Amino acid sequence: MNHRILRIGVLIGKGSRLPAILKCTKGLSNTEVVVVISYKEESAGVELAKEKGIESFFMRWGRWKKEGK
């Protein structure tokens, strides 16, 4: 039997739905949220992810492109 884990990345704005996503995936043994990415620099969702030990950060395409990354 194959017991692969589905690793999920969540894209958010403020992150108001993130608690529900984390609650749903917590009950699934084969699912793990591994990264949270927000387009808002100040995001409650990013802070929540950090509290839960999930890698998280914000990224703005225009800013990223301007910095030449």
C-alpha atoms as a PDB file:
ATOM      1  CA  MET A   1       0.000   0.000   0.000  1.00  0.00           C
ATOM      2  CA  ASN A   2       1.299   3.465  -0.927  1.00  0.00           C
ATOM      3  CA  HIS A   3       1.206   6.042   1.903  1.00  0.00           C
ATOM      4  CA  ARG A   4       2.337   9.169   0.085  1.00  0.00           C
ATOM      5  CA  ILE A   5       1.638  12.521   1.706  1.00  0.00           C
ATOM      6  CA  LEU A   6      -0.063  15.238  -0.316  1.00  0.00           C
ATOM      7  CA  ARG A   7       1.952  18.403   0.337  1.00  0.00           C
ATOM      8  CA  ILE A   8      -0.134  21.567  -0.106  1.00  0.00           C
ATOM      9  CA  GLY A   9       0.832  25.196  -0.720  1.00  0.00           C
ATOM     10  CA  VAL A  10      -1.847  27.755   0.133  1.00  0.00           C
ATOM     11  CA  LEU A  11      -2.070  31.123  -1.642  1.00  0.00           C
ATOM     12  CA  ILE A  12      -3.808  33.794   0.461  1.00  0.00           C
ATOM     13  CA  GLY A  13      -4.616  37.472   0.729  1.00  0.00           C
ATOM     14  CA  LYS A  14      -5.354  38.269   4.368  1.00  0.00           C
ATOM     15  CA  GLY A  15      -5.736  34.599   5.217  1.00  0.00           C
ATOM     16  CA  SER A  16      -9.238  34.602   6.677  1.00  0.00           C
ATOM     17  CA  ARG A  17      -9.946  31.103   5.292  1.00  0.00           C
ATOM     18  CA  LEU A  18      -6.605  29.633   6.329  1.00  0.00           C
ATOM     19  CA  PRO A  19      -7.808  28.411   9.764  1.00  0.00           C
ATOM     20  CA  ALA A  20     -10.531  26.352   8.056  1.00  0.00           C
ATOM     21  CA  ILE A  21      -8.031  24.878   5.582  1.00  0.00           C
ATOM     22  CA  LEU A  22      -5.651  23.950   8.404  1.00  0.00           C
ATOM     23  CA  LYS A  23      -8.510  22.413  10.408  1.00  0.00           C
ATOM     24  CA  CYS A  24      -9.637  20.282   7.445  1.00  0.00           C
ATOM     25  CA  THR A  25      -6.156  19.054   6.599  1.00  0.00           C
ATOM     26  CA  LYS A  26      -5.305  18.322  10.242  1.00  0.00           C
ATOM     27  CA  GLY A  27      -7.840  15.500  10.229  1.00  0.00           C
ATOM     28  CA  LEU A  28      -6.296  13.869   7.163  1.00  0.00           C
ATOM     29  CA  SER A  29      -3.278  11.674   7.812  1.00  0.00           C
ATOM     30  CA  ASN A  30      -2.080  11.880   4.199  1.00  0.00           C
ATOM     31  CA  THR A  31      -2.217  15.691   3.830  1.00  0.00           C
ATOM     32  CA  GLU A  32       0.136  18.434   5.018  1.00  0.00           C
ATOM     33  CA  VAL A  33       0.172  22.203   4.429  1.00  0.00           C
ATOM     34  CA  VAL A  34       3.860  22.967   3.821  1.00  0.00           C
ATOM     35  CA  VAL A  35       3.865  26.614   2.700  1.00  0.00           C
ATOM     36  CA  VAL A  36       1.620  29.677   2.850  1.00  0.00           C
ATOM     37  CA  ILE A  37       2.191  32.531   0.408  1.00  0.00           C
ATOM     38  CA  SER A  38       0.408  35.873   0.632  1.00  0.00           C
ATOM     39  CA  TYR A  39       0.352  38.815  -1.746  1.00  0.00           C
ATOM     40  CA  LYS A  40      -0.134  41.128   1.255  1.00  0.00           C
ATOM     41  CA  GLU A  41       2.888  42.128   3.306  1.00  0.00           C
ATOM     42  CA  GLU A  42       0.862  42.362   6.513  1.00  0.00           C
ATOM     43  CA  SER A  43      -1.244  39.215   6.683  1.00  0.00           C
ATOM     44  CA  ALA A  44      -2.835  37.475   9.637  1.00  0.00           C
ATOM     45  CA  GLY A  45      -2.626  34.252   7.633  1.00  0.00           C
ATOM     46  CA  VAL A  46       1.161  34.473   7.337  1.00  0.00           C
ATOM     47  CA  GLU A  47       1.424  35.085  11.075  1.00  0.00           C
ATOM     48  CA  LEU A  48      -0.860  32.110  11.807  1.00  0.00           C
ATOM     49  CA  ALA A  49       1.217  29.867   9.563  1.00  0.00           C
ATOM     50  CA  LYS A  50       4.407  30.933  11.348  1.00  0.00           C
ATOM     51  CA  GLU A  51       2.788  30.158  14.715  1.00  0.00           C
ATOM     52  CA  LYS A  52       1.931  26.673  13.409  1.00  0.00           C
ATOM     53  CA  GLY A  53       5.485  26.103  12.145  1.00  0.00           C
ATOM     54  CA  ILE A  54       4.536  26.324   8.473  1.00  0.00           C
ATOM     55  CA  GLU A  55       6.941  28.114   6.136  1.00  0.00           C
ATOM     56  CA  SER A  56       5.305  31.360   5.068  1.00  0.00           C
ATOM     57  CA  PHE A  57       6.049  34.615   3.328  1.00  0.00           C
ATOM     58  CA  PHE A  58       4.576  37.321   1.147  1.00  0.00           C
ATOM     59  CA  MET A  59       5.417  38.030  -2.458  1.00  0.00           C
ATOM     60  CA  ARG A  60       4.338  40.837  -4.750  1.00  0.00           C
ATOM     61  CA  TRP A  61       4.981  40.100  -8.411  1.00  0.00           C
ATOM     62  CA  GLY A  62       5.737  43.752  -9.266  1.00  0.00           C
ATOM     63  CA  ARG A  63       8.180  44.105  -6.390  1.00  0.00           C
ATOM     64  CA  TRP A  64       9.814  40.756  -7.163  1.00  0.00           C
ATOM     65  CA  LYS A  65      10.191  41.685 -10.839  1.00  0.00           C
ATOM     66  CA  LYS A  66      11.568  45.154  -9.970  1.00  0.00           C
ATOM     67  CA  GLU A  67      14.246  43.642  -7.724  1.00  0.00           C
ATOM     68  CA  GLY A  68      15.349  41.412 -10.611  1.00  0.00           C
ATOM     69  CA  LYS A  69      14.772  38.088  -8.902  1.00  0.00           C
END
